[in-house]
Protein backbone atom coordinates (compact mmCIF):
# COMPACT_ATOMS: atom_id res chain seq x y z
CA UNK A 1 -42.22 -10.78 7.35
CA UNK A 2 -38.86 -8.53 7.59
CA UNK A 3 -40.58 -5.99 9.43
CA UNK A 4 -42.13 -8.18 11.86
CA UNK A 5 -38.81 -9.94 12.53
CA UNK A 6 -36.91 -6.38 12.63
CA UNK A 7 -39.57 -5.59 15.59
CA UNK A 8 -39.22 -8.87 17.42
CA UNK A 9 -35.36 -8.57 17.80
CA UNK A 10 -36.09 -4.96 18.66
CA UNK A 11 -38.19 -6.33 21.44
CA UNK A 12 -35.91 -8.90 22.44
CA UNK A 13 -33.02 -5.91 22.96
CA UNK A 14 -35.31 -3.82 24.98
CA UNK A 15 -36.11 -6.72 27.36
CA UNK A 16 -32.60 -7.49 27.58
CA UNK A 17 -31.59 -3.84 28.42
CA UNK A 18 -34.63 -3.55 31.20
CA UNK A 19 -33.48 -7.09 32.47
CA UNK A 20 -29.64 -6.97 32.41
CA UNK A 21 -29.09 -3.33 32.67
CA UNK A 22 -26.99 -1.14 30.28
CA UNK A 23 -23.71 -2.15 31.15
CA UNK A 24 -24.07 -6.00 31.63
CA UNK A 25 -26.12 -5.87 28.08
CA UNK A 26 -23.12 -4.11 26.52
CA UNK A 27 -20.44 -6.14 28.45
CA UNK A 28 -21.52 -9.51 26.40
CA UNK A 29 -20.14 -9.89 23.08
CA UNK A 30 -23.31 -11.88 21.72
CA UNK A 31 -25.08 -8.89 23.01
CA UNK A 32 -22.82 -6.32 21.22
CA UNK A 33 -23.32 -8.19 17.83
CA UNK A 34 -27.01 -8.19 18.28
CA UNK A 35 -27.40 -4.47 19.72
CA UNK A 36 -25.34 -3.23 16.80
CA UNK A 37 -27.37 -4.76 14.03
CA UNK A 38 -30.34 -3.82 15.58
CA UNK A 39 -29.36 -0.18 16.20
CA UNK A 40 -28.87 -0.15 12.38
CA UNK A 41 -31.98 -1.36 11.62
CA UNK A 42 -33.63 1.61 14.11
CA UNK A 43 -31.57 3.97 11.80
CA UNK A 44 -32.56 2.37 8.81
CA UNK A 45 -36.23 2.84 9.89
CA UNK A 46 -35.94 5.98 11.25
CA UNK A 47 -34.42 7.75 7.96
CA UNK A 48 -37.01 5.90 5.91
CA UNK A 49 -40.08 7.25 7.88
CA UNK A 50 -38.12 10.76 7.55
CA UNK A 51 -37.95 10.55 3.48
CA UNK A 52 -41.13 9.09 2.98
CA UNK A 53 -43.00 12.42 2.39
CA UNK A 54 -40.20 14.10 0.70
CA UNK A 55 -39.27 12.16 -2.11
CA UNK A 56 -35.58 11.56 -0.81
CA UNK A 57 -33.76 8.21 -1.45
CA UNK A 58 -31.35 6.93 0.82
CA UNK A 59 -30.30 4.15 -1.28
CA UNK A 60 -26.88 3.65 0.86
CA UNK A 61 -29.13 2.42 3.52
CA UNK A 62 -29.60 -0.82 1.90
CA UNK A 63 -25.80 -1.76 3.12
CA UNK A 64 -27.21 -2.34 6.54
CA UNK A 65 -29.62 -4.93 5.40
CA UNK A 66 -26.63 -7.10 4.46
CA UNK A 67 -25.36 -6.90 8.09
CA UNK A 68 -28.65 -8.81 9.14
CA UNK A 69 -27.10 -11.96 7.59
CA UNK A 70 -24.57 -11.60 10.27
CA UNK A 71 -27.21 -12.84 12.70
CA UNK A 72 -26.49 -16.53 11.73
CA UNK A 73 -23.58 -16.30 13.90
CA UNK A 74 -25.95 -16.43 16.88
CA UNK A 75 -26.19 -20.03 16.11
CA UNK A 76 -22.93 -20.87 17.39
CA UNK A 77 -24.09 -19.43 20.87
CA UNK A 78 -26.41 -22.53 20.77
CA UNK A 79 -24.62 -25.19 18.77
CA UNK A 80 -21.65 -25.95 20.88
CA UNK A 81 -19.73 -27.81 17.91
CA UNK A 82 -20.08 -25.24 15.47
CA UNK A 83 -18.62 -22.73 17.83
CA UNK A 84 -15.57 -25.09 18.69
CA UNK A 85 -14.78 -25.32 15.17
CA UNK A 86 -14.97 -21.40 14.47
CA UNK A 87 -13.05 -20.86 17.93
CA UNK A 88 -10.55 -23.19 16.94
CA UNK A 89 -9.99 -21.54 13.48
CA UNK A 90 -9.67 -18.22 15.05
CA UNK A 91 -7.12 -19.24 17.47
CA UNK A 92 -5.27 -20.96 14.74
CA UNK A 93 -5.10 -17.51 12.58
CA UNK A 94 -1.71 -16.22 14.11
CA UNK A 95 -0.21 -18.96 12.89
CA UNK A 96 -1.95 -19.21 9.61
CA UNK A 97 -1.22 -15.06 8.97
CA UNK A 98 2.63 -16.05 8.88
CA UNK A 99 2.64 -18.62 6.26
CA UNK A 100 -0.36 -16.39 4.40
CA UNK A 101 2.62 -13.91 4.06
CA UNK A 102 4.91 -16.24 2.69
CA UNK A 103 2.30 -17.49 0.15
CA UNK A 104 1.87 -13.91 -0.78
CA UNK A 105 5.35 -13.22 -0.76
CA UNK A 106 6.07 -16.42 -3.13
CA UNK A 107 3.16 -15.47 -5.07
CA UNK A 108 4.71 -11.72 -6.00
CA UNK A 109 8.23 -13.77 -6.83
CA UNK A 110 6.61 -16.07 -9.17
CA UNK A 111 4.58 -13.08 -10.56
CA UNK A 112 7.72 -10.77 -11.11
CA UNK A 113 9.77 -13.89 -12.24
CA UNK A 114 6.94 -14.53 -14.86
CA UNK A 115 6.84 -10.91 -16.05
CA UNK A 116 10.60 -11.11 -16.52
CA UNK A 117 10.62 -14.73 -18.41
CA UNK A 118 7.29 -14.54 -20.23
CA UNK A 119 6.34 -10.68 -20.35
CA UNK A 120 4.96 -9.54 -23.82
CA UNK A 121 5.79 -13.37 -25.57
CA UNK A 122 2.07 -12.80 -26.98
CA UNK A 123 2.41 -10.26 -29.56
CA UNK A 124 1.71 -10.20 -33.33
CA UNK A 125 5.31 -11.80 -34.32
CA UNK A 126 4.14 -14.92 -32.54
CA UNK A 127 0.70 -14.98 -33.77
CA UNK A 128 -1.20 -13.10 -31.11
CA UNK A 129 -3.06 -9.78 -31.27
CA UNK A 130 -2.09 -6.72 -29.12
CA UNK A 131 -5.61 -5.24 -29.98
CA UNK A 132 -9.23 -6.08 -28.53
CA UNK A 133 -10.55 -8.91 -30.77
CA UNK A 134 -14.47 -8.20 -30.85
CA UNK A 135 -16.42 -11.57 -31.53
CA UNK A 136 -13.09 -13.32 -31.61
CA UNK A 137 -11.73 -11.38 -35.13
CA UNK A 138 -8.45 -9.52 -34.55
CA UNK A 139 -7.64 -6.89 -36.47
CA UNK A 140 -4.65 -7.08 -38.91
CA UNK A 141 -1.01 -5.95 -37.82
CA UNK A 142 1.50 -4.41 -39.68
CA UNK A 143 4.15 -6.54 -41.11
CA UNK A 144 2.31 -10.08 -39.96
CA UNK A 145 0.17 -11.99 -42.36
CA UNK A 146 -2.24 -14.63 -41.40
CA UNK A 147 -4.95 -14.42 -38.81
CA UNK A 148 -3.98 -13.51 -35.27
CA UNK A 149 -5.26 -14.98 -32.13
CA UNK A 150 -6.78 -12.80 -29.11
CA UNK A 151 -4.57 -12.30 -26.27
CA UNK A 152 -4.56 -15.43 -23.71
CA UNK A 153 -6.57 -14.67 -20.32
CA UNK A 154 -3.21 -15.96 -18.50
CA UNK A 155 -0.85 -13.27 -20.01
CA UNK A 156 2.53 -11.90 -18.17
CA UNK A 157 2.59 -8.46 -19.63
CA UNK A 158 1.54 -6.58 -16.36
CA UNK A 159 1.91 -7.45 -12.64
CA UNK A 160 -2.06 -7.54 -11.95
CA UNK A 161 -2.78 -10.15 -14.66
CA UNK A 162 0.63 -11.79 -13.64
CA UNK A 163 -0.74 -11.93 -10.27
CA UNK A 164 -4.09 -13.47 -11.29
CA UNK A 165 -2.36 -16.15 -13.46
CA UNK A 166 -0.16 -17.07 -10.85
CA UNK A 167 -3.42 -17.34 -8.82
CA UNK A 168 -4.92 -19.82 -11.34
CA UNK A 169 -1.85 -22.04 -11.43
CA UNK A 170 -1.94 -22.58 -7.72
CA UNK A 171 -5.74 -23.54 -7.65
CA UNK A 172 -5.15 -26.25 -10.43
CA UNK A 173 -5.66 -24.51 -13.91
CA UNK A 174 -1.95 -24.59 -15.13
CA UNK A 175 -2.49 -27.29 -18.19
CA UNK A 176 -3.58 -24.42 -20.57
CA UNK A 177 -1.60 -21.55 -19.27
CA UNK A 178 1.39 -23.96 -19.84
CA UNK A 179 0.30 -24.92 -23.12
CA UNK A 180 0.08 -21.77 -24.68
CA UNK A 181 3.44 -20.46 -23.07
CA UNK A 182 5.22 -23.43 -24.34
CA UNK A 183 4.00 -23.20 -27.95
CA UNK A 184 5.48 -19.68 -27.92
CA UNK A 185 8.61 -20.02 -26.05
CA UNK A 186 9.61 -23.90 -26.04
CA UNK A 187 9.62 -26.97 -23.43
CA UNK A 188 12.12 -25.29 -21.14
CA UNK A 189 9.58 -22.91 -20.19
CA UNK A 190 7.68 -25.59 -18.70
CA UNK A 191 9.87 -25.54 -15.63
CA UNK A 192 8.37 -22.31 -14.68
CA UNK A 193 4.68 -23.48 -14.20
CA UNK A 194 5.77 -26.60 -12.56
CA UNK A 195 7.66 -24.63 -9.95
CA UNK A 196 4.67 -22.97 -9.26
CA UNK A 197 2.39 -25.61 -8.75
CA UNK A 198 4.62 -27.83 -6.94
CA UNK A 199 6.08 -24.94 -4.42
CA UNK A 200 2.91 -22.77 -3.96
CA UNK A 201 0.09 -25.51 -4.70
CA UNK A 202 1.31 -28.42 -3.33
CA UNK A 203 3.56 -27.28 -0.44
CA UNK A 204 2.67 -24.02 0.98
CA UNK A 205 -1.29 -24.79 0.75
CA UNK A 206 -0.40 -28.08 2.39
CA UNK A 207 1.17 -26.37 5.30
CA UNK A 208 -1.94 -24.41 5.69
CA UNK A 209 -3.94 -27.50 5.95
CA UNK A 210 -1.38 -29.04 8.49
CA UNK A 211 -1.87 -26.01 10.94
CA UNK A 212 -5.56 -26.16 10.78
CA UNK A 213 -5.19 -30.16 11.39
CA UNK A 214 -2.74 -29.67 14.44
CA UNK A 215 -5.42 -26.63 15.85
CA UNK A 216 -7.89 -28.93 15.98
CA UNK A 217 -5.86 -31.74 17.66
CA UNK A 218 -4.40 -29.72 20.65
CA UNK A 219 -5.45 -27.25 22.55
CA UNK A 220 -4.28 -23.91 20.57
CA UNK A 221 -4.90 -21.21 22.78
CA UNK A 222 -2.65 -22.08 25.68
CA UNK A 223 0.13 -23.17 23.10
CA UNK A 224 -0.07 -19.97 21.19
CA UNK A 225 -0.21 -17.81 24.38
CA UNK A 226 3.12 -19.47 25.70
CA UNK A 227 4.91 -19.72 22.32
CA UNK A 228 3.87 -15.81 21.78
CA UNK A 229 5.37 -14.80 25.31
CA UNK A 230 8.37 -17.32 24.72
CA UNK A 231 9.16 -15.85 21.18
CA UNK A 232 8.93 -11.93 22.04
CA UNK A 233 11.30 -12.45 25.23
CA UNK A 234 13.62 -14.71 22.90
CA UNK A 235 13.70 -12.24 20.31
CA UNK A 236 14.73 -9.54 23.13
CA UNK A 237 17.13 -11.96 24.60
CA UNK A 238 18.67 -12.66 21.29
CA UNK A 239 18.96 -8.68 20.14
CA UNK A 240 20.97 -8.14 23.26
CA UNK A 241 23.03 -11.00 23.33
CA UNK A 242 23.92 -10.45 19.56
CA UNK A 243 24.92 -6.61 20.48
CA UNK A 244 26.40 -7.85 23.50
CA UNK A 245 28.61 -10.72 21.74
CA UNK A 246 29.62 -8.47 18.90
CA UNK A 247 30.75 -5.81 21.11
CA UNK A 248 32.59 -8.35 23.23
CA UNK A 249 34.32 -9.40 20.11
CA UNK A 250 35.27 -5.90 19.55
CA UNK A 251 36.50 -5.44 22.91
CA UNK A 252 39.27 -8.23 23.20
CA UNK A 253 40.75 -6.90 26.65
CA UNK A 254 44.23 -6.69 26.91
CA UNK A 255 44.90 -8.96 24.03
CA UNK A 256 46.28 -7.47 20.87
CA UNK A 257 44.36 -8.31 18.01
CA UNK A 258 45.79 -10.73 15.32
CA UNK A 259 45.88 -9.52 11.47
CA UNK A 260 44.23 -10.46 9.62
CA UNK A 261 42.01 -12.75 11.28
CA UNK A 262 40.49 -10.06 13.70
CA UNK A 263 40.47 -7.51 11.14
CA UNK A 264 37.43 -6.50 8.86
CA UNK A 265 38.37 -5.90 5.09
CA UNK A 266 41.93 -5.92 6.47
CA UNK A 267 42.15 -2.85 7.87
CA UNK A 268 39.32 -2.37 10.49
CA UNK A 269 40.72 -3.42 13.99
CA UNK A 270 38.28 -4.49 16.65
CA UNK A 271 38.49 -1.13 18.62
CA UNK A 272 38.71 0.88 15.25
CA UNK A 273 35.67 4.06 15.43
CA UNK A 274 34.24 3.12 12.18
CA UNK A 275 33.75 -0.62 13.01
CA UNK A 276 32.06 0.33 16.19
CA UNK A 277 29.59 2.68 14.46
CA UNK A 278 29.01 -0.05 12.00
CA UNK A 279 28.33 -2.54 14.51
CA UNK A 280 25.96 -0.21 16.48
CA UNK A 281 24.08 0.79 13.23
CA UNK A 282 23.48 -2.56 11.87
CA UNK A 283 22.26 -3.91 15.08
CA UNK A 284 19.84 -0.96 15.76
CA UNK A 285 16.05 -1.75 15.12
CA UNK A 286 15.58 1.08 13.12
CA UNK A 287 18.40 0.01 10.61
CA UNK A 288 16.24 -3.33 9.72
CA UNK A 289 13.17 -1.34 9.78
CA UNK A 290 14.67 1.05 7.05
CA UNK A 291 15.90 -1.75 5.00
CA UNK A 292 12.58 -3.45 4.91
CA UNK A 293 10.79 -0.42 3.86
CA UNK A 294 13.59 -0.19 1.00
CA UNK A 295 13.02 -3.95 -0.22
CA UNK A 296 9.12 -3.36 -0.36
CA UNK A 297 9.72 0.25 -2.57
CA UNK A 298 12.10 -1.66 -4.48
CA UNK A 299 10.01 -4.50 -5.26
CA UNK A 300 7.07 -2.24 -6.02
CA UNK A 301 9.44 -0.52 -8.76
CA UNK A 302 9.62 -3.86 -10.36
CA UNK A 303 6.01 -4.45 -10.18
CA UNK A 304 5.64 -0.67 -12.25
CA UNK A 305 8.59 -2.33 -14.88
CA UNK A 306 6.45 -3.81 -17.18
CA UNK A 307 7.72 -5.68 -19.99
CA UNK A 308 5.46 -3.70 -22.36
CA UNK A 309 6.79 -0.17 -21.03
CA UNK A 310 8.34 1.90 -23.49
CA UNK A 311 12.17 2.19 -22.83
CA UNK A 312 12.09 5.83 -23.98
CA UNK A 313 9.51 7.17 -21.46
CA UNK A 314 10.09 9.11 -18.66
CA UNK A 315 8.64 6.48 -16.30
CA UNK A 316 11.54 4.09 -17.50
CA UNK A 317 14.13 6.38 -17.29
CA UNK A 318 13.02 7.17 -13.60
CA UNK A 319 13.13 3.27 -13.04
CA UNK A 320 16.62 3.12 -14.24
CA UNK A 321 17.80 5.67 -12.01
CA UNK A 322 15.92 3.87 -9.05
CA UNK A 323 17.61 0.73 -10.06
CA UNK A 324 20.97 2.07 -9.83
CA UNK A 325 19.93 3.62 -6.40
CA UNK A 326 18.53 0.25 -5.04
CA UNK A 327 21.91 -1.27 -5.88
CA UNK A 328 23.76 1.32 -4.29
CA UNK A 329 21.77 1.22 -1.27
CA UNK A 330 22.12 -2.68 -1.31
CA UNK A 331 25.92 -2.47 -1.52
CA UNK A 332 26.14 -0.22 1.31
CA UNK A 333 24.41 -2.37 3.60
CA UNK A 334 26.30 -5.20 2.46
CA UNK A 335 29.76 -3.36 3.18
CA UNK A 336 28.49 -2.27 6.55
CA UNK A 337 27.67 -5.71 7.63
CA UNK A 338 31.36 -6.87 6.40
CA UNK A 339 32.83 -4.04 8.30
CA UNK A 340 30.76 -5.13 11.43
CA UNK A 341 31.41 -8.76 11.81
CA UNK A 342 34.13 -9.21 9.20
CA UNK A 343 33.47 -10.76 5.84
CA UNK A 344 34.17 -14.21 6.86
CA UNK A 345 31.33 -14.13 9.42
CA UNK A 346 29.26 -12.29 6.94
CA UNK A 347 29.25 -15.19 4.10
CA UNK A 348 28.65 -17.83 6.64
CA UNK A 349 25.08 -16.88 7.19
CA UNK A 350 22.98 -18.53 4.13
CA UNK A 351 20.60 -15.53 4.14
CA UNK A 352 23.76 -13.07 3.79
CA UNK A 353 24.98 -15.42 1.02
CA UNK A 354 21.60 -14.54 -0.92
CA UNK A 355 22.00 -10.86 -0.19
CA UNK A 356 25.29 -10.92 -1.71
CA UNK A 357 24.45 -13.06 -4.59
CA UNK A 358 21.71 -10.72 -5.80
CA UNK A 359 23.59 -7.49 -5.16
CA UNK A 360 26.50 -8.99 -7.28
CA UNK A 361 24.27 -10.04 -9.93
CA UNK A 362 22.52 -6.52 -10.17
CA UNK A 363 26.08 -5.03 -10.26
CA UNK A 364 26.71 -7.23 -13.31
CA UNK A 365 23.58 -6.13 -14.88
CA UNK A 366 24.15 -2.53 -14.42
CA UNK A 367 27.84 -3.14 -15.94
CA UNK A 368 26.45 -4.93 -18.82
CA UNK A 369 24.18 -2.20 -19.54
CA UNK A 370 27.33 0.27 -19.70
CA UNK A 371 29.69 -2.07 -21.70
CA UNK A 372 28.15 -3.56 -24.94
CA UNK A 373 30.61 -6.37 -24.77
CA UNK A 374 28.94 -7.81 -21.54
CA UNK A 375 25.73 -7.70 -23.01
CA UNK A 376 25.03 -11.28 -22.38
CA UNK A 377 24.79 -10.67 -18.82
CA UNK A 378 21.88 -8.77 -19.04
CA UNK A 379 20.08 -12.23 -18.52
CA UNK A 380 20.62 -11.67 -14.79
CA UNK A 381 17.88 -9.40 -14.69
CA UNK A 382 15.56 -12.49 -14.27
CA UNK A 383 17.31 -12.54 -10.86
CA UNK A 384 15.74 -9.14 -9.73
CA UNK A 385 12.59 -10.91 -8.95
CA UNK A 386 14.12 -12.83 -6.02
CA UNK A 387 14.57 -9.70 -4.37
CA UNK A 388 11.50 -9.75 -1.82
CA UNK A 389 13.20 -12.81 -0.73
CA UNK A 390 15.48 -10.53 1.16
CA UNK A 391 12.23 -9.86 3.61
CA UNK A 392 12.23 -13.13 4.81
CA UNK A 393 15.75 -12.87 6.58
CA UNK A 394 14.41 -9.71 8.55
CA UNK A 395 11.32 -11.26 9.54
CA UNK A 396 12.14 -14.54 11.99
CA UNK A 397 8.31 -15.93 11.76
CA UNK A 398 8.86 -16.36 7.98
CA UNK A 399 12.73 -17.36 8.64
CA UNK A 400 11.40 -20.03 10.82
CA UNK A 401 8.92 -21.32 8.20
CA UNK A 402 11.54 -21.68 5.58
CA UNK A 403 14.04 -23.36 7.80
CA UNK A 404 11.45 -25.72 8.75
CA UNK A 405 10.66 -26.45 4.81
CA UNK A 406 14.29 -26.97 4.25
CA UNK A 407 14.20 -29.82 6.64
CA UNK A 408 11.28 -31.47 4.79
CA UNK A 409 13.42 -31.32 1.54
CA UNK A 410 14.98 -34.38 1.83
CA UNK A 411 11.88 -36.49 2.76
CA UNK A 412 9.80 -34.92 0.21
CA UNK A 413 12.70 -35.67 -2.47
CA UNK A 414 12.41 -39.26 -1.45
CA UNK A 415 8.51 -39.11 -1.94
CA UNK A 416 9.07 -37.67 -5.27
CA UNK A 417 11.73 -40.67 -6.25
CA UNK A 418 8.91 -43.00 -5.39
CA UNK A 419 6.29 -41.34 -7.95
């Protein structure tokens, strides 16, 4: 039956090629879909015939058969309603992509936060085995009396399992994971699970639904095209405006600068060469791109820094050195921006306040690791999990989404008050 159907599609393709010609046939997207699948079927038939008498088996050709399922998309050509639904969904993808990036970023942040707060809590001292437990029977551990329980499926020892745990929490399977963690660490740690469920499950996922509903209620294509053009021109104009305004502030004409109002860090005058260089560097596109790469790499180092990592291993030592390097780089970035726009204007931005807060907290952590009397400050290591948030300030699309969410906080608070 499959061979007869395949030859029927081959016959259809041949008729269209004869009737429409090569260029017109391949100029239609539906014909491109049909022609590609038929061509792969011909390759499969040819290779099967060649290998028939040789004993060779081309098992990889079976994957071509999976592509035949794509033929069901041809239903959209005749089913106008289905085609409109799929087209609207595709048109909404640009808007959804920004929110998907934000959702992924939020999952990474909560995963890193979970590793910092709950990593390694399931150990023999808390009644859980670190070894595999065949048939549910766990081997005994040194210094621990009594039977041990297997490791829970949702643990926070490594980044991969932690991401799966956060994904399970956002899909609604949070009660069991929370009860296990609260049973070990106490009721205060339930706030972590509540935050994941409220922010990721009820807020961000519902925003995805809202975008789809909006896409179905108006002409998405026209809106997206106009907004894309407007946003591109706005980004270019704002960048030029920003650079021009900063240079205008530095070049104050014949009016002498007033100390300390017009001086950056009390010593850099508006016409100072170092300050002009800081303005040029911090407003350059490459500067933001380099900082984005640094944030991504530093966040990746947090992923590798597992709570189960041996502190005396070479990997742990290198991660410690890299942590110092990240703090130095981020301090340098903050210092350059303070020189360029003055400290008062730097801290006037909420995103810069977040950057400065994270930098200062990590400096205190490094100081605590060197001074034993400040060991209590090492709890600030948990704030490293917020490092991916620095990406939001450098991605305008995500910044718009976060700003919109902030505007909805009062209304959401009222709803929770009613509940």
